[in-house]
Amino acid sequence: MQAVYDSEDTSADASAPSMTISDVVGTFQRGEKIVGGTTNAKGRILSVTSPLSYSLNGTFGVSDFGNLIQGREIMYTILQE
């Protein structure tokens, strides 16, 4: 299990955090580990199309990856979160 989300509203579905990305160099895989280039936030990719859904790992309270995220061998530029 990667994460559990709760909308805290019985009339709305819960959703994972997401970010819109651009300038992708290379390809990425679902489950790939990512690291924030400026914040060092760590997570895993849940969806491979923009907006990119992700879960945070081991950095509770950090929800901002900054302007750049680094995959295993791939870099992504974030437009907005």
PDB file of N, CA and C in Angstrom:
ATOM      1  N   MET A   1       0.839  -1.157   0.000  1.00  0.00           N
ATOM      2  CA  MET A   1       0.000   0.000   0.000  1.00  0.00           C
ATOM      3  C   MET A   1       0.895   1.235   0.000  1.00  0.00           C
ATOM      4  N   GLN A   2       0.541   2.212  -0.790  1.00  0.00           N
ATOM      5  CA  GLN A   2       1.336   3.427  -0.927  1.00  0.00           C
ATOM      6  C   GLN A   2       0.790   4.560  -0.070  1.00  0.00           C
ATOM      7  N   ALA A   3      -0.533   4.758  -0.071  1.00  0.00           N
ATOM      8  CA  ALA A   3      -1.134   5.859   0.688  1.00  0.00           C
ATOM      9  C   ALA A   3      -2.629   5.621   0.839  1.00  0.00           C
ATOM     10  N   VAL A   4      -3.223   6.265   1.839  1.00  0.00           N
ATOM     11  CA  VAL A   4      -4.669   6.248   2.043  1.00  0.00           C
ATOM     12  C   VAL A   4      -5.123   7.698   2.096  1.00  0.00           C
ATOM     13  N   TYR A   5      -6.133   8.050   1.302  1.00  0.00           N
ATOM     14  CA  TYR A   5      -6.641   9.419   1.271  1.00  0.00           C
ATOM     15  C   TYR A   5      -8.085   9.432   1.723  1.00  0.00           C
ATOM     16  N   ASP A   6      -8.477  10.482   2.433  1.00  0.00           N
ATOM     17  CA  ASP A   6      -9.835  10.654   2.934  1.00  0.00           C
ATOM     18  C   ASP A   6     -10.290  12.063   2.595  1.00  0.00           C
ATOM     19  N   SER A   7     -11.430  12.180   1.924  1.00  0.00           N
ATOM     20  CA  SER A   7     -11.924  13.505   1.548  1.00  0.00           C
ATOM     21  C   SER A   7     -12.572  14.226   2.727  1.00  0.00           C
ATOM     22  N   GLU A   8     -12.886  13.485   3.781  1.00  0.00           N
ATOM     23  CA  GLU A   8     -13.579  14.009   4.961  1.00  0.00           C
ATOM     24  C   GLU A   8     -14.937  14.604   4.603  1.00  0.00           C
ATOM     25  N   ASP A   9     -15.482  14.186   3.461  1.00  0.00           N
ATOM     26  CA  ASP A   9     -16.786  14.634   2.992  1.00  0.00           C
ATOM     27  C   ASP A   9     -17.478  13.424   2.376  1.00  0.00           C
ATOM     28  N   THR A  10     -18.601  13.010   2.946  1.00  0.00           N
ATOM     29  CA  THR A  10     -19.273  11.803   2.470  1.00  0.00           C
ATOM     30  C   THR A  10     -19.821  11.946   1.057  1.00  0.00           C
ATOM     31  N   SER A  11     -19.921  13.169   0.542  1.00  0.00           N
ATOM     32  CA  SER A  11     -20.452  13.361  -0.811  1.00  0.00           C
ATOM     33  C   SER A  11     -19.351  13.552  -1.859  1.00  0.00           C
ATOM     34  N   ALA A  12     -18.090  13.439  -1.447  1.00  0.00           N
ATOM     35  CA  ALA A  12     -16.984  13.636  -2.398  1.00  0.00           C
ATOM     36  C   ALA A  12     -15.975  12.502  -2.281  1.00  0.00           C
ATOM     37  N   ASP A  13     -15.440  12.086  -3.423  1.00  0.00           N
ATOM     38  CA  ASP A  13     -14.412  11.056  -3.433  1.00  0.00           C
ATOM     39  C   ASP A  13     -13.061  11.661  -3.025  1.00  0.00           C
ATOM     40  N   ALA A  14     -12.255  10.867  -2.373  1.00  0.00           N
ATOM     41  CA  ALA A  14     -10.898  11.289  -2.029  1.00  0.00           C
ATOM     42  C   ALA A  14     -10.026  11.222  -3.281  1.00  0.00           C
ATOM     43  N   SER A  15      -9.000  12.064  -3.331  1.00  0.00           N
ATOM     44  CA  SER A  15      -8.084  12.022  -4.467  1.00  0.00           C
ATOM     45  C   SER A  15      -6.656  12.282  -4.000  1.00  0.00           C
ATOM     46  N   ALA A  16      -5.729  11.727  -4.730  1.00  0.00           N
ATOM     47  CA  ALA A  16      -4.310  11.929  -4.425  1.00  0.00           C
ATOM     48  C   ALA A  16      -3.898  13.323  -4.883  1.00  0.00           C
ATOM     49  N   PRO A  17      -2.847  13.889  -4.274  1.00  0.00           N
ATOM     50  CA  PRO A  17      -2.352  15.180  -4.758  1.00  0.00           C
ATOM     51  C   PRO A  17      -1.841  15.032  -6.191  1.00  0.00           C
ATOM     52  N   SER A  18      -1.855  16.139  -6.938  1.00  0.00           N
ATOM     53  CA  SER A  18      -1.398  16.079  -8.328  1.00  0.00           C
ATOM     54  C   SER A  18      -0.693  17.370  -8.702  1.00  0.00           C
ATOM     55  N   MET A  19       0.079  17.322  -9.798  1.00  0.00           N
ATOM     56  CA  MET A  19       0.774  18.489 -10.313  1.00  0.00           C
ATOM     57  C   MET A  19       0.789  18.432 -11.829  1.00  0.00           C
ATOM     58  N   THR A  20       0.733  19.597 -12.465  1.00  0.00           N
ATOM     59  CA  THR A  20       0.822  19.693 -13.911  1.00  0.00           C
ATOM     60  C   THR A  20       2.295  19.819 -14.281  1.00  0.00           C
ATOM     61  N   ILE A  21       2.734  19.044 -15.259  1.00  0.00           N
ATOM     62  CA  ILE A  21       4.149  19.049 -15.615  1.00  0.00           C
ATOM     63  C   ILE A  21       4.334  19.410 -17.084  1.00  0.00           C
ATOM     64  N   SER A  22       5.522  19.871 -17.407  1.00  0.00           N
ATOM     65  CA  SER A  22       5.892  20.159 -18.790  1.00  0.00           C
ATOM     66  C   SER A  22       7.363  19.836 -18.965  1.00  0.00           C
ATOM     67  N   ASP A  23       7.854  19.947 -20.178  1.00  0.00           N
ATOM     68  CA  ASP A  23       9.276  19.746 -20.462  1.00  0.00           C
ATOM     69  C   ASP A  23       9.803  18.431 -19.912  1.00  0.00           C
ATOM     70  N   VAL A  24       9.041  17.360 -20.121  1.00  0.00           N
ATOM     71  CA  VAL A  24       9.478  16.043 -19.657  1.00  0.00           C
ATOM     72  C   VAL A  24      10.575  15.549 -20.589  1.00  0.00           C
ATOM     73  N   VAL A  25      11.681  15.139 -20.005  1.00  0.00           N
ATOM     74  CA  VAL A  25      12.806  14.588 -20.770  1.00  0.00           C
ATOM     75  C   VAL A  25      12.866  13.110 -20.422  1.00  0.00           C
ATOM     76  N   GLY A  26      12.537  12.238 -21.365  1.00  0.00           N
ATOM     77  CA  GLY A  26      12.518  10.802 -21.111  1.00  0.00           C
ATOM     78  C   GLY A  26      11.111  10.328 -20.800  1.00  0.00           C
ATOM     79  N   THR A  27      11.007   9.092 -20.359  1.00  0.00           N
ATOM     80  CA  THR A  27       9.718   8.524 -19.976  1.00  0.00           C
ATOM     81  C   THR A  27       9.778   8.127 -18.521  1.00  0.00           C
ATOM     82  N   PHE A  28       8.643   8.052 -17.888  1.00  0.00           N
ATOM     83  CA  PHE A  28       8.615   7.651 -16.492  1.00  0.00           C
ATOM     84  C   PHE A  28       7.598   6.538 -16.307  1.00  0.00           C
ATOM     85  N   GLN A  29       7.681   5.849 -15.204  1.00  0.00           N
ATOM     86  CA  GLN A  29       6.859   4.684 -14.931  1.00  0.00           C
ATOM     87  C   GLN A  29       6.014   4.902 -13.683  1.00  0.00           C
ATOM     88  N   ARG A  30       4.844   4.304 -13.674  1.00  0.00           N
ATOM     89  CA  ARG A  30       4.016   4.306 -12.475  1.00  0.00           C
ATOM     90  C   ARG A  30       4.810   3.624 -11.359  1.00  0.00           C
ATOM     91  N   GLY A  31       4.835   4.236 -10.189  1.00  0.00           N
ATOM     92  CA  GLY A  31       5.577   3.688  -9.061  1.00  0.00           C
ATOM     93  C   GLY A  31       6.997   4.201  -8.965  1.00  0.00           C
ATOM     94  N   GLU A  32       7.439   4.977  -9.966  1.00  0.00           N
ATOM     95  CA  GLU A  32       8.799   5.514  -9.954  1.00  0.00           C
ATOM     96  C   GLU A  32       8.983   6.473  -8.780  1.00  0.00           C
ATOM     97  N   LYS A  33      10.138   6.390  -8.134  1.00  0.00           N
ATOM     98  CA  LYS A  33      10.461   7.304  -7.041  1.00  0.00           C
ATOM     99  C   LYS A  33      10.835   8.662  -7.619  1.00  0.00           C
ATOM    100  N   ILE A  34      10.342   9.744  -6.987  1.00  0.00           N
ATOM    101  CA  ILE A  34      10.684  11.096  -7.400  1.00  0.00           C
ATOM    102  C   ILE A  34      11.175  11.886  -6.192  1.00  0.00           C
ATOM    103  N   VAL A  35      11.997  12.894  -6.464  1.00  0.00           N
ATOM    104  CA  VAL A  35      12.554  13.748  -5.410  1.00  0.00           C
ATOM    105  C   VAL A  35      12.424  15.192  -5.866  1.00  0.00           C
ATOM    106  N   GLY A  36      11.996  16.086  -4.979  1.00  0.00           N
ATOM    107  CA  GLY A  36      11.912  17.508  -5.288  1.00  0.00           C
ATOM    108  C   GLY A  36      13.297  18.099  -5.417  1.00  0.00           C
ATOM    109  N   GLY A  37      13.547  18.796  -6.510  1.00  0.00           N
ATOM    110  CA  GLY A  37      14.867  19.357  -6.768  1.00  0.00           C
ATOM    111  C   GLY A  37      15.275  20.428  -5.767  1.00  0.00           C
ATOM    112  N   THR A  38      14.325  21.185  -5.224  1.00  0.00           N
ATOM    113  CA  THR A  38      14.650  22.255  -4.278  1.00  0.00           C
ATOM    114  C   THR A  38      14.196  21.952  -2.862  1.00  0.00           C
ATOM    115  N   THR A  39      13.200  21.083  -2.702  1.00  0.00           N
ATOM    116  CA  THR A  39      12.651  20.819  -1.371  1.00  0.00           C
ATOM    117  C   THR A  39      13.064  19.476  -0.790  1.00  0.00           C
ATOM    118  N   ASN A  40      13.592  18.594  -1.627  1.00  0.00           N
ATOM    119  CA  ASN A  40      13.955  17.228  -1.229  1.00  0.00           C
ATOM    120  C   ASN A  40      12.748  16.393  -0.816  1.00  0.00           C
ATOM    121  N   ALA A  41      11.527  16.820  -1.185  1.00  0.00           N
ATOM    122  CA  ALA A  41      10.339  16.010  -0.927  1.00  0.00           C
ATOM    123  C   ALA A  41      10.481  14.712  -1.701  1.00  0.00           C
ATOM    124  N   LYS A  42      10.038  13.619  -1.120  1.00  0.00           N
ATOM    125  CA  LYS A  42      10.147  12.316  -1.766  1.00  0.00           C
ATOM    126  C   LYS A  42       8.761  11.734  -1.976  1.00  0.00           C
ATOM    127  N   GLY A  43       8.578  11.079  -3.126  1.00  0.00           N
ATOM    128  CA  GLY A  43       7.291  10.481  -3.412  1.00  0.00           C
ATOM    129  C   GLY A  43       7.388   9.418  -4.476  1.00  0.00           C
ATOM    130  N   ARG A  44       6.220   8.921  -4.875  1.00  0.00           N
ATOM    131  CA  ARG A  44       6.112   7.941  -5.954  1.00  0.00           C
ATOM    132  C   ARG A  44       5.017   8.385  -6.903  1.00  0.00           C
ATOM    133  N   ILE A  45       5.248   8.174  -8.187  1.00  0.00           N
ATOM    134  CA  ILE A  45       4.284   8.531  -9.216  1.00  0.00           C
ATOM    135  C   ILE A  45       3.151   7.512  -9.220  1.00  0.00           C
ATOM    136  N   LEU A  46       1.900   8.005  -9.192  1.00  0.00           N
ATOM    137  CA  LEU A  46       0.735   7.125  -9.243  1.00  0.00           C
ATOM    138  C   LEU A  46       0.119   7.079 -10.634  1.00  0.00           C
ATOM    139  N   SER A  47       0.233   8.173 -11.405  1.00  0.00           N
ATOM    140  CA  SER A  47      -0.272   8.195 -12.781  1.00  0.00           C
ATOM    141  C   SER A  47       0.800   8.796 -13.679  1.00  0.00           C
ATOM    142  N   VAL A  48       0.830   8.391 -14.931  1.00  0.00           N
ATOM    143  CA  VAL A  48       1.925   8.792 -15.814  1.00  0.00           C
ATOM    144  C   VAL A  48       1.534   9.856 -16.839  1.00  0.00           C
ATOM    145  N   THR A  49       0.359  10.465 -16.688  1.00  0.00           N
ATOM    146  CA  THR A  49      -0.042  11.555 -17.568  1.00  0.00           C
ATOM    147  C   THR A  49      -0.273  12.799 -16.726  1.00  0.00           C
ATOM    148  N   SER A  50      -0.079  13.969 -17.330  1.00  0.00           N
ATOM    149  CA  SER A  50      -0.268  15.229 -16.624  1.00  0.00           C
ATOM    150  C   SER A  50      -1.760  15.564 -16.586  1.00  0.00           C
ATOM    151  N   PRO A  51      -2.319  15.951 -15.440  1.00  0.00           N
ATOM    152  CA  PRO A  51      -1.641  16.196 -14.174  1.00  0.00           C
ATOM    153  C   PRO A  51      -1.216  14.885 -13.517  1.00  0.00           C
ATOM    154  N   LEU A  52      -0.013  14.877 -13.025  1.00  0.00           N
ATOM    155  CA  LEU A  52       0.634  13.714 -12.443  1.00  0.00           C
ATOM    156  C   LEU A  52       0.153  13.519 -11.007  1.00  0.00           C
ATOM    157  N   SER A  53      -0.448  12.374 -10.703  1.00  0.00           N
ATOM    158  CA  SER A  53      -0.832  12.054  -9.326  1.00  0.00           C
ATOM    159  C   SER A  53       0.356  11.417  -8.639  1.00  0.00           C
ATOM    160  N   TYR A  54       0.544  11.714  -7.358  1.00  0.00           N
ATOM    161  CA  TYR A  54       1.697  11.194  -6.632  1.00  0.00           C
ATOM    162  C   TYR A  54       1.342  10.961  -5.173  1.00  0.00           C
ATOM    163  N   SER A  55       2.145  10.206  -4.483  1.00  0.00           N
ATOM    164  CA  SER A  55       2.030  10.049  -3.038  1.00  0.00           C
ATOM    165  C   SER A  55       3.356  10.474  -2.422  1.00  0.00           C
ATOM    166  N   LEU A  56       3.288  11.060  -1.245  1.00  0.00           N
ATOM    167  CA  LEU A  56       4.501  11.455  -0.529  1.00  0.00           C
ATOM    168  C   LEU A  56       5.014  10.281   0.284  1.00  0.00           C
ATOM    169  N   ASN A  57       6.320  10.160   0.407  1.00  0.00           N
ATOM    170  CA  ASN A  57       6.934   9.082   1.174  1.00  0.00           C
ATOM    171  C   ASN A  57       7.952   9.640   2.153  1.00  0.00           C
ATOM    172  N   GLY A  58       7.735   9.399   3.428  1.00  0.00           N
ATOM    173  CA  GLY A  58       8.746   9.727   4.426  1.00  0.00           C
ATOM    174  C   GLY A  58       8.994  11.200   4.649  1.00  0.00           C
ATOM    175  N   THR A  59       8.212  12.074   4.061  1.00  0.00           N
ATOM    176  CA  THR A  59       8.393  13.511   4.260  1.00  0.00           C
ATOM    177  C   THR A  59       7.046  14.116   4.625  1.00  0.00           C
ATOM    178  N   PHE A  60       6.485  13.656   5.711  1.00  0.00           N
ATOM    179  CA  PHE A  60       5.165  14.109   6.117  1.00  0.00           C
ATOM    180  C   PHE A  60       5.139  15.617   6.300  1.00  0.00           C
ATOM    181  N   GLY A  61       4.119  16.262   5.768  1.00  0.00           N
ATOM    182  CA  GLY A  61       3.989  17.708   5.847  1.00  0.00           C
ATOM    183  C   GLY A  61       4.587  18.427   4.659  1.00  0.00           C
ATOM    184  N   VAL A  62       5.415  17.759   3.861  1.00  0.00           N
ATOM    185  CA  VAL A  62       5.991  18.380   2.665  1.00  0.00           C
ATOM    186  C   VAL A  62       5.065  18.068   1.497  1.00  0.00           C
ATOM    187  N   SER A  63       4.476  19.088   0.925  1.00  0.00           N
ATOM    188  CA  SER A  63       3.562  18.849  -0.194  1.00  0.00           C
ATOM    189  C   SER A  63       4.008  19.571  -1.456  1.00  0.00           C
ATOM    190  N   ASP A  64       5.132  20.248  -1.405  1.00  0.00           N
ATOM    191  CA  ASP A  64       5.600  21.029  -2.545  1.00  0.00           C
ATOM    192  C   ASP A  64       6.918  20.461  -3.047  1.00  0.00           C
ATOM    193  N   PHE A  65       6.944  20.076  -4.316  1.00  0.00           N
ATOM    194  CA  PHE A  65       8.171  19.543  -4.896  1.00  0.00           C
ATOM    195  C   PHE A  65       9.055  20.631  -5.486  1.00  0.00           C
ATOM    196  N   GLY A  66       8.638  21.895  -5.425  1.00  0.00           N
ATOM    197  CA  GLY A  66       9.420  22.966  -6.030  1.00  0.00           C
ATOM    198  C   GLY A  66       9.176  23.013  -7.530  1.00  0.00           C
ATOM    199  N   ASN A  67      10.088  23.606  -8.275  1.00  0.00           N
ATOM    200  CA  ASN A  67       9.913  23.756  -9.722  1.00  0.00           C
ATOM    201  C   ASN A  67      10.487  22.600 -10.527  1.00  0.00           C
ATOM    202  N   LEU A  68      11.168  21.676  -9.881  1.00  0.00           N
ATOM    203  CA  LEU A  68      11.815  20.593 -10.608  1.00  0.00           C
ATOM    204  C   LEU A  68      11.717  19.319  -9.798  1.00  0.00           C
ATOM    205  N   ILE A  69      11.330  18.224 -10.447  1.00  0.00           N
ATOM    206  CA  ILE A  69      11.380  16.930  -9.781  1.00  0.00           C
ATOM    207  C   ILE A  69      12.313  16.029 -10.568  1.00  0.00           C
ATOM    208  N   GLN A  70      13.020  15.196  -9.852  1.00  0.00           N
ATOM    209  CA  GLN A  70      14.001  14.290 -10.447  1.00  0.00           C
ATOM    210  C   GLN A  70      13.514  12.869 -10.258  1.00  0.00           C
ATOM    211  N   GLY A  71      13.400  12.148 -11.372  1.00  0.00           N
ATOM    212  CA  GLY A  71      13.116  10.731 -11.310  1.00  0.00           C
ATOM    213  C   GLY A  71      14.444   9.990 -11.229  1.00  0.00           C
ATOM    214  N   ARG A  72      14.405   8.711 -11.474  1.00  0.00           N
ATOM    215  CA  ARG A  72      15.633   7.925 -11.406  1.00  0.00           C
ATOM    216  C   ARG A  72      16.694   8.448 -12.370  1.00  0.00           C
ATOM    217  N   GLU A  73      16.315   8.702 -13.597  1.00  0.00           N
ATOM    218  CA  GLU A  73      17.244   9.256 -14.576  1.00  0.00           C
ATOM    219  C   GLU A  73      16.569  10.335 -15.409  1.00  0.00           C
ATOM    220  N   ILE A  74      15.468  10.865 -14.936  1.00  0.00           N
ATOM    221  CA  ILE A  74      14.629  11.763 -15.722  1.00  0.00           C
ATOM    222  C   ILE A  74      14.337  13.026 -14.921  1.00  0.00           C
ATOM    223  N   MET A  75      14.241  14.168 -15.593  1.00  0.00           N
ATOM    224  CA  MET A  75      13.864  15.412 -14.939  1.00  0.00           C
ATOM    225  C   MET A  75      12.553  15.914 -15.520  1.00  0.00           C
ATOM    226  N   TYR A  76      11.736  16.533 -14.694  1.00  0.00           N
ATOM    227  CA  TYR A  76      10.449  17.094 -15.094  1.00  0.00           C
ATOM    228  C   TYR A  76      10.385  18.531 -14.587  1.00  0.00           C
ATOM    229  N   THR A  77       9.793  19.419 -15.360  1.00  0.00           N
ATOM    230  CA  THR A  77       9.546  20.782 -14.904  1.00  0.00           C
ATOM    231  C   THR A  77       8.082  20.892 -14.523  1.00  0.00           C
ATOM    232  N   ILE A  78       7.819  21.446 -13.343  1.00  0.00           N
ATOM    233  CA  ILE A  78       6.462  21.579 -12.860  1.00  0.00           C
ATOM    234  C   ILE A  78       5.909  22.951 -13.248  1.00  0.00           C
ATOM    235  N   LEU A  79       4.728  22.975 -13.875  1.00  0.00           N
ATOM    236  CA  LEU A  79       4.077  24.234 -14.216  1.00  0.00           C
ATOM    237  C   LEU A  79       3.312  24.789 -13.030  1.00  0.00           C
ATOM    238  N   GLN A  80       2.525  23.967 -12.396  1.00  0.00           N
ATOM    239  CA  GLN A  80       1.752  24.398 -11.244  1.00  0.00           C
ATOM    240  C   GLN A  80       1.340  23.176 -10.462  1.00  0.00           C
ATOM    241  N   GLU A  81       0.993  23.400  -9.196  1.00  0.00           N
ATOM    242  CA  GLU A  81       0.535  22.292  -8.361  1.00  0.00           C
ATOM    243  C   GLU A  81      -0.882  22.520  -7.950  1.00  0.00           C
TER     244      GLU A  81
END
